[in-house]
C-alpha atoms as a PDB file:
ATOM      1  CA  MET A   1      48.418  57.305  -0.984  1.00  0.00           C
ATOM      2  CA  PRO A   2      45.195  55.493  -1.976  1.00  0.00           C
ATOM      3  CA  GLN A   3      43.876  55.871  -5.485  1.00  0.00           C
ATOM      4  CA  THR A   4      40.791  57.981  -6.260  1.00  0.00           C
ATOM      5  CA  ARG A   5      38.564  55.129  -7.403  1.00  0.00           C
ATOM      6  CA  GLY A   6      38.272  51.516  -6.360  1.00  0.00           C
ATOM      7  CA  SER A   7      36.382  48.354  -7.244  1.00  0.00           C
ATOM      8  CA  SER A   8      32.620  48.403  -6.749  1.00  0.00           C
ATOM      9  CA  GLY A   9      32.009  44.822  -5.596  1.00  0.00           C
ATOM     10  CA  PRO A  10      30.268  43.892  -2.329  1.00  0.00           C
ATOM     11  CA  VAL A  11      31.833  44.214   1.102  1.00  0.00           C
ATOM     12  CA  THR A  12      32.792  40.747   2.331  1.00  0.00           C
ATOM     13  CA  ALA A  13      34.075  38.900   5.365  1.00  0.00           C
ATOM     14  CA  ASP A  14      37.507  39.051   3.737  1.00  0.00           C
ATOM     15  CA  ASP A  15      37.371  42.848   4.042  1.00  0.00           C
ATOM     16  CA  VAL A  16      36.712  42.589   7.780  1.00  0.00           C
ATOM     17  CA  GLU A  17      39.599  40.160   8.114  1.00  0.00           C
ATOM     18  CA  TYR A  18      41.880  42.473   6.119  1.00  0.00           C
ATOM     19  CA  ALA A  19      40.985  45.580   8.128  1.00  0.00           C
ATOM     20  CA  VAL A  20      41.422  43.939  11.528  1.00  0.00           C
ATOM     21  CA  ARG A  21      44.653  42.165  10.585  1.00  0.00           C
ATOM     22  CA  LEU A  22      46.111  45.424   9.267  1.00  0.00           C
ATOM     23  CA  ALA A  23      45.042  47.234  12.431  1.00  0.00           C
ATOM     24  CA  VAL A  24      46.563  44.622  14.713  1.00  0.00           C
ATOM     25  CA  ALA A  25      49.809  44.483  12.714  1.00  0.00           C
ATOM     26  CA  THR A  26      50.067  48.283  12.722  1.00  0.00           C
ATOM     27  CA  LEU A  27      49.520  48.525  16.468  1.00  0.00           C
ATOM     28  CA  ARG A  28      51.942  45.696  17.221  1.00  0.00           C
ATOM     29  CA  ALA A  29      54.629  47.546  15.270  1.00  0.00           C
ATOM     30  CA  ALA A  30      54.157  50.787  17.241  1.00  0.00           C
ATOM     31  CA  LYS A  31      57.220  51.648  19.310  1.00  0.00           C
ATOM     32  CA  ALA A  32      56.504  52.086  23.057  1.00  0.00           C
ATOM     33  CA  PRO A  33      53.073  53.672  22.514  1.00  0.00           C
ATOM     34  CA  ASP A  34      51.367  55.786  25.154  1.00  0.00           C
ATOM     35  CA  TRP A  35      48.052  53.967  25.354  1.00  0.00           C
ATOM     36  CA  ASP A  36      46.645  56.641  27.667  1.00  0.00           C
ATOM     37  CA  ALA A  37      47.129  59.350  25.025  1.00  0.00           C
ATOM     38  CA  LYS A  38      43.931  60.907  23.675  1.00  0.00           C
ATOM     39  CA  ALA A  39      42.756  59.200  20.462  1.00  0.00           C
ATOM     40  CA  GLY A  40      42.612  61.967  17.865  1.00  0.00           C
ATOM     41  CA  SER A  41      39.485  64.110  18.196  1.00  0.00           C
ATOM     42  CA  LEU A  42      37.809  61.618  20.549  1.00  0.00           C
ATOM     43  CA  GLU A  43      37.521  62.067  24.299  1.00  0.00           C
ATOM     44  CA  TRP A  44      38.743  58.524  24.878  1.00  0.00           C
ATOM     45  CA  SER A  45      42.278  57.250  25.305  1.00  0.00           C
ATOM     46  CA  CYS A  46      43.876  55.061  22.673  1.00  0.00           C
ATOM     47  CA  TRP A  47      43.415  52.019  24.953  1.00  0.00           C
ATOM     48  CA  GLU A  48      39.724  52.810  25.433  1.00  0.00           C
ATOM     49  CA  THR A  49      39.263  53.308  21.705  1.00  0.00           C
ATOM     50  CA  VAL A  50      40.744  49.901  20.911  1.00  0.00           C
ATOM     51  CA  GLU A  51      38.378  48.382  23.484  1.00  0.00           C
ATOM     52  CA  HIS A  52      35.469  50.266  21.900  1.00  0.00           C
ATOM     53  CA  LEU A  53      36.472  48.992  18.460  1.00  0.00           C
ATOM     54  CA  ALA A  54      36.654  45.412  19.727  1.00  0.00           C
ATOM     55  CA  ASP A  55      33.235  45.911  21.308  1.00  0.00           C
ATOM     56  CA  ASP A  56      31.809  47.181  17.996  1.00  0.00           C
ATOM     57  CA  LEU A  57      33.068  44.117  16.141  1.00  0.00           C
ATOM     58  CA  PHE A  58      31.718  41.798  18.833  1.00  0.00           C
ATOM     59  CA  SER A  59      28.352  43.571  18.896  1.00  0.00           C
ATOM     60  CA  TYR A  60      27.882  43.398  15.125  1.00  0.00           C
ATOM     61  CA  ALA A  61      28.626  39.682  15.193  1.00  0.00           C
ATOM     62  CA  ALA A  62      26.242  39.211  18.112  1.00  0.00           C
ATOM     63  CA  GLN A  63      23.387  40.974  16.297  1.00  0.00           C
ATOM     64  CA  LEU A  64      23.538  38.352  13.547  1.00  0.00           C
ATOM     65  CA  GLY A  65      24.053  35.418  15.912  1.00  0.00           C
ATOM     66  CA  PRO A  66      20.540  34.407  17.077  1.00  0.00           C
ATOM     67  CA  ALA A  67      18.461  32.037  14.956  1.00  0.00           C
ATOM     68  CA  SER A  68      15.886  34.848  14.749  1.00  0.00           C
ATOM     69  CA  PRO A  69      17.874  38.104  15.022  1.00  0.00           C
ATOM     70  CA  PRO A  70      16.007  41.017  16.644  1.00  0.00           C
ATOM     71  CA  LEU A  71      14.622  43.639  14.272  1.00  0.00           C
ATOM     72  CA  ASP A  72      13.688  46.294  16.822  1.00  0.00           C
ATOM     73  CA  THR A  73      16.435  46.278  19.458  1.00  0.00           C
ATOM     74  CA  HIS A  74      19.940  45.160  20.332  1.00  0.00           C
ATOM     75  CA  VAL A  75      20.713  41.723  21.718  1.00  0.00           C
ATOM     76  CA  PRO A  76      20.386  42.503  25.453  1.00  0.00           C
ATOM     77  CA  PHE A  77      23.926  42.328  26.731  1.00  0.00           C
ATOM     78  CA  VAL A  78      24.747  44.608  29.656  1.00  0.00           C
ATOM     79  CA  TRP A  79      26.904  47.552  28.606  1.00  0.00           C
ATOM     80  CA  SER A  80      28.902  49.372  31.258  1.00  0.00           C
ATOM     81  CA  ARG A  81      31.510  52.132  31.600  1.00  0.00           C
ATOM     82  CA  LYS A  82      34.742  51.843  33.525  1.00  0.00           C
ATOM     83  CA  LYS A  83      34.685  55.585  34.208  1.00  0.00           C
ATOM     84  CA  PRO A  84      32.393  58.559  33.511  1.00  0.00           C
ATOM     85  CA  GLY A  85      32.680  59.557  29.871  1.00  0.00           C
ATOM     86  CA  GLY A  86      34.357  56.309  28.873  1.00  0.00           C
ATOM     87  CA  PRO A  87      32.907  54.032  26.185  1.00  0.00           C
ATOM     88  CA  ALA A  88      29.961  51.849  27.171  1.00  0.00           C
ATOM     89  CA  ASN A  89      31.130  48.334  26.313  1.00  0.00           C
ATOM     90  CA  VAL A  90      30.457  44.676  26.844  1.00  0.00           C
ATOM     91  CA  ILE A  91      34.082  43.959  25.941  1.00  0.00           C
ATOM     92  CA  PHE A  92      37.057  45.145  28.017  1.00  0.00           C
ATOM     93  CA  ALA A  93      40.671  43.998  27.964  1.00  0.00           C
ATOM     94  CA  ASP A  94      42.542  42.998  31.127  1.00  0.00           C
ATOM     95  CA  ARG A  95      45.039  45.836  31.593  1.00  0.00           C
ATOM     96  CA  ASP A  96      47.392  43.431  33.351  1.00  0.00           C
ATOM     97  CA  ALA A  97      47.693  41.510  30.059  1.00  0.00           C
ATOM     98  CA  GLY A  98      49.314  44.563  28.477  1.00  0.00           C
ATOM     99  CA  THR A  99      49.347  45.533  24.825  1.00  0.00           C
ATOM    100  CA  ALA A 100      49.541  41.918  23.680  1.00  0.00           C
ATOM    101  CA  GLY A 101      46.320  41.140  25.533  1.00  0.00           C
ATOM    102  CA  LEU A 102      44.546  44.228  24.211  1.00  0.00           C
ATOM    103  CA  LEU A 103      45.401  43.347  20.632  1.00  0.00           C
ATOM    104  CA  GLN A 104      44.410  39.728  21.165  1.00  0.00           C
ATOM    105  CA  VAL A 105      40.981  40.925  22.306  1.00  0.00           C
ATOM    106  CA  LEU A 106      40.695  43.065  19.163  1.00  0.00           C
ATOM    107  CA  GLU A 107      41.830  40.187  16.962  1.00  0.00           C
ATOM    108  CA  ALA A 108      39.372  37.762  18.570  1.00  0.00           C
ATOM    109  CA  CYS A 109      36.396  40.092  18.154  1.00  0.00           C
ATOM    110  CA  GLY A 110      37.354  40.723  14.540  1.00  0.00           C
ATOM    111  CA  ALA A 111      37.472  36.975  13.954  1.00  0.00           C
ATOM    112  CA  LEU A 112      33.943  36.620  15.353  1.00  0.00           C
ATOM    113  CA  LEU A 113      32.540  39.175  12.907  1.00  0.00           C
ATOM    114  CA  THR A 114      34.557  37.706  10.040  1.00  0.00           C
ATOM    115  CA  ALA A 115      33.182  34.233  10.733  1.00  0.00           C
ATOM    116  CA  ILE A 116      29.557  35.248  11.063  1.00  0.00           C
ATOM    117  CA  ALA A 117      29.670  37.565   8.033  1.00  0.00           C
ATOM    118  CA  ARG A 118      31.032  34.619   6.065  1.00  0.00           C
ATOM    119  CA  THR A 119      28.372  32.143   7.178  1.00  0.00           C
ATOM    120  CA  ALA A 120      25.132  34.074   7.843  1.00  0.00           C
ATOM    121  CA  PRO A 121      22.521  33.790   5.066  1.00  0.00           C
ATOM    122  CA  PRO A 122      22.358  36.960   2.929  1.00  0.00           C
ATOM    123  CA  ALA A 123      18.613  37.279   3.550  1.00  0.00           C
ATOM    124  CA  VAL A 124      19.098  37.681   7.318  1.00  0.00           C
ATOM    125  CA  ARG A 125      18.295  41.105   8.783  1.00  0.00           C
ATOM    126  CA  SER A 126      19.041  42.408  12.273  1.00  0.00           C
ATOM    127  CA  HIS A 127      18.530  45.665  14.137  1.00  0.00           C
ATOM    128  CA  HIS A 128      20.844  48.629  13.891  1.00  0.00           C
ATOM    129  CA  VAL A 129      19.973  52.191  14.833  1.00  0.00           C
ATOM    130  CA  PHE A 130      20.896  53.309  11.288  1.00  0.00           C
ATOM    131  CA  GLY A 131      18.643  50.734   9.630  1.00  0.00           C
ATOM    132  CA  ALA A 132      18.061  46.975   9.915  1.00  0.00           C
ATOM    133  CA  SER A 133      20.984  45.436   8.099  1.00  0.00           C
ATOM    134  CA  ASP A 134      22.198  42.267   6.427  1.00  0.00           C
ATOM    135  CA  PRO A 135      25.506  40.407   6.823  1.00  0.00           C
ATOM    136  CA  GLU A 136      27.190  42.560   4.172  1.00  0.00           C
ATOM    137  CA  GLY A 137      26.023  45.705   5.961  1.00  0.00           C
ATOM    138  CA  PHE A 138      27.355  44.568   9.329  1.00  0.00           C
ATOM    139  CA  ALA A 139      30.630  43.580   7.668  1.00  0.00           C
ATOM    140  CA  ALA A 140      30.830  47.072   6.141  1.00  0.00           C
ATOM    141  CA  MET A 141      30.079  48.658   9.523  1.00  0.00           C
ATOM    142  CA  GLY A 142      32.868  46.622  11.096  1.00  0.00           C
ATOM    143  CA  VAL A 143      35.285  47.730   8.398  1.00  0.00           C
ATOM    144  CA  VAL A 144      34.336  51.394   8.822  1.00  0.00           C
ATOM    145  CA  GLU A 145      34.682  51.191  12.594  1.00  0.00           C
ATOM    146  CA  THR A 146      38.112  49.611  12.198  1.00  0.00           C
ATOM    147  CA  LEU A 147      39.434  52.028   9.596  1.00  0.00           C
ATOM    148  CA  VAL A 148      38.224  55.267  11.178  1.00  0.00           C
ATOM    149  CA  HIS A 149      38.948  54.352  14.799  1.00  0.00           C
ATOM    150  CA  MET A 150      42.418  53.296  13.719  1.00  0.00           C
ATOM    151  CA  TYR A 151      42.751  56.796  12.265  1.00  0.00           C
ATOM    152  CA  ASP A 152      41.878  58.173  15.715  1.00  0.00           C
ATOM    153  CA  ILE A 153      44.273  55.802  17.469  1.00  0.00           C
ATOM    154  CA  ALA A 154      47.069  56.452  14.965  1.00  0.00           C
ATOM    155  CA  GLU A 155      46.761  60.187  15.601  1.00  0.00           C
ATOM    156  CA  GLY A 156      47.049  59.591  19.337  1.00  0.00           C
ATOM    157  CA  LEU A 157      50.022  57.250  19.023  1.00  0.00           C
ATOM    158  CA  GLY A 158      51.780  59.250  16.305  1.00  0.00           C
ATOM    159  CA  ILE A 159      51.897  56.407  13.764  1.00  0.00           C
ATOM    160  CA  ASP A 160      50.950  56.135  10.092  1.00  0.00           C
ATOM    161  CA  TRP A 161      47.657  54.610   8.974  1.00  0.00           C
ATOM    162  CA  VAL A 162      46.504  54.527   5.325  1.00  0.00           C
ATOM    163  CA  PRO A 163      44.211  51.604   4.403  1.00  0.00           C
ATOM    164  CA  ASP A 164      43.500  50.162   0.967  1.00  0.00           C
ATOM    165  CA  ALA A 165      41.486  52.404  -1.378  1.00  0.00           C
ATOM    166  CA  ASP A 166      39.363  49.551  -2.759  1.00  0.00           C
ATOM    167  CA  VAL A 167      38.069  48.642   0.690  1.00  0.00           C
ATOM    168  CA  CYS A 168      37.286  52.305   1.419  1.00  0.00           C
ATOM    169  CA  HIS A 169      35.449  52.572  -1.898  1.00  0.00           C
ATOM    170  CA  ARG A 170      33.272  49.520  -1.280  1.00  0.00           C
ATOM    171  CA  VAL A 171      32.201  50.595   2.206  1.00  0.00           C
ATOM    172  CA  LEU A 172      31.434  54.088   0.928  1.00  0.00           C
ATOM    173  CA  LEU A 173      29.163  52.659  -1.766  1.00  0.00           C
ATOM    174  CA  ARG A 174      27.456  50.332   0.732  1.00  0.00           C
ATOM    175  CA  LEU A 175      26.936  52.684   3.681  1.00  0.00           C
ATOM    176  CA  PHE A 176      27.344  56.264   2.423  1.00  0.00           C
ATOM    177  CA  PRO A 177      25.337  56.609  -0.810  1.00  0.00           C
ATOM    178  CA  HIS A 178      25.465  60.408  -0.471  1.00  0.00           C
ATOM    179  CA  ALA A 179      29.284  60.525  -0.577  1.00  0.00           C
ATOM    180  CA  PRO A 180      31.005  61.785  -3.729  1.00  0.00           C
ATOM    181  CA  THR A 181      32.554  59.112  -5.940  1.00  0.00           C
ATOM    182  CA  ASP A 182      35.229  61.200  -7.679  1.00  0.00           C
ATOM    183  CA  THR A 183      37.394  62.046  -4.666  1.00  0.00           C
ATOM    184  CA  ASP A 184      40.206  60.282  -2.816  1.00  0.00           C
ATOM    185  CA  ARG A 185      38.592  57.210  -1.251  1.00  0.00           C
ATOM    186  CA  TRP A 186      40.309  57.264   2.147  1.00  0.00           C
ATOM    187  CA  LEU A 187      39.900  61.010   2.562  1.00  0.00           C
ATOM    188  CA  THR A 188      36.240  60.684   1.558  1.00  0.00           C
ATOM    189  CA  LEU A 189      35.628  58.003   4.186  1.00  0.00           C
ATOM    190  CA  LEU A 190      37.168  60.317   6.778  1.00  0.00           C
ATOM    191  CA  TRP A 191      34.901  63.110   5.519  1.00  0.00           C
ATOM    192  CA  ALA A 192      31.809  60.864   5.662  1.00  0.00           C
ATOM    193  CA  THR A 193      32.582  60.057   9.311  1.00  0.00           C
ATOM    194  CA  GLY A 194      33.155  63.654  10.383  1.00  0.00           C
ATOM    195  CA  ARG A 195      36.949  63.545  10.510  1.00  0.00           C
ATOM    196  CA  ALA A 196      38.166  65.543   7.488  1.00  0.00           C
ATOM    197  CA  GLU A 197      37.319  68.001   4.749  1.00  0.00           C
ATOM    198  CA  ILE A 198      37.312  67.253   1.038  1.00  0.00           C
ATOM    199  CA  PRO A 199      37.462  69.854  -1.743  1.00  0.00           C
ATOM    200  CA  GLY A 200      34.215  71.821  -1.798  1.00  0.00           C
ATOM    201  CA  ARG A 201      32.788  70.033   1.236  1.00  0.00           C
ATOM    202  CA  PRO A 202      33.493  71.160   4.812  1.00  0.00           C
ATOM    203  CA  ARG A 203      34.011  68.767   7.698  1.00  0.00           C
ATOM    204  CA  LEU A 204      30.701  67.295   8.863  1.00  0.00           C
ATOM    205  CA  THR A 205      29.516  68.072  12.375  1.00  0.00           C
ATOM    206  CA  GLN A 206      26.825  65.354  12.204  1.00  0.00           C
ATOM    207  CA  TRP A 207      26.939  62.186  10.175  1.00  0.00           C
ATOM    208  CA  ARG A 208      25.422  58.741   9.814  1.00  0.00           C
ATOM    209  CA  TRP A 209      25.560  55.741   7.549  1.00  0.00           C
ATOM    210  CA  HIS A 210      22.693  53.793   5.967  1.00  0.00           C
ATOM    211  CA  GLY A 211      22.795  50.230   7.228  1.00  0.00           C
ATOM    212  CA  ALA A 212      19.799  48.872   5.347  1.00  0.00           C
ATOM    213  CA  PRO A 213      20.511  47.313   1.949  1.00  0.00           C
ATOM    214  CA  ALA A 214      19.585  49.599  -0.931  1.00  0.00           C
ATOM    215  CA  ALA A 215      16.629  47.384  -1.860  1.00  0.00           C
ATOM    216  CA  ASP A 216      15.179  47.726   1.663  1.00  0.00           C
ATOM    217  CA  ARG A 217      15.391  51.509   1.911  1.00  0.00           C
ATOM    218  CA  GLN A 218      12.215  53.535   1.698  1.00  0.00           C
END
């Protein structure tokens, strides 16, 4: 199990790379998974949730991509749904390519965010509904999306998923300043994203993160 406390350094591109590589390796090792199984408490299947995760990683990279990133809206890709109630994505995997293709799509989108988080100037800001953010913030968002959606997928597939406590700690400090700091780091990240209880704090029915750097917050 993860330790209670972790290091308090910044979230980096290496953290995105770690999270996505661990996710891909974990999913590749799953034995004959039912990709149409419901992903935890979500209404989506495990396949749809992996596509959604890949789309998140792609979208965060895309927001930082323009020479002058937008501060008031998303980069105007066309999002669509394959079925009513399914995730609205730009990114979908070719079902005929099977699990290997799905995980390659996830890996590729993770690599895009890793690369741009590593190279974008720290002063850059781009729009996000939870606050205009910098490269570290988008990296942290990508890590959170990966860790918590893997929790959903792991529940659906019946596999184990426990990420590194230090990574959980750093994204909690960056995006969830209201979260307690003296509780199990992985469990606290699940609590902060509405997926678990922690001692003295019930499961959240509404939640958000704070994408803007601390110095930019009002």
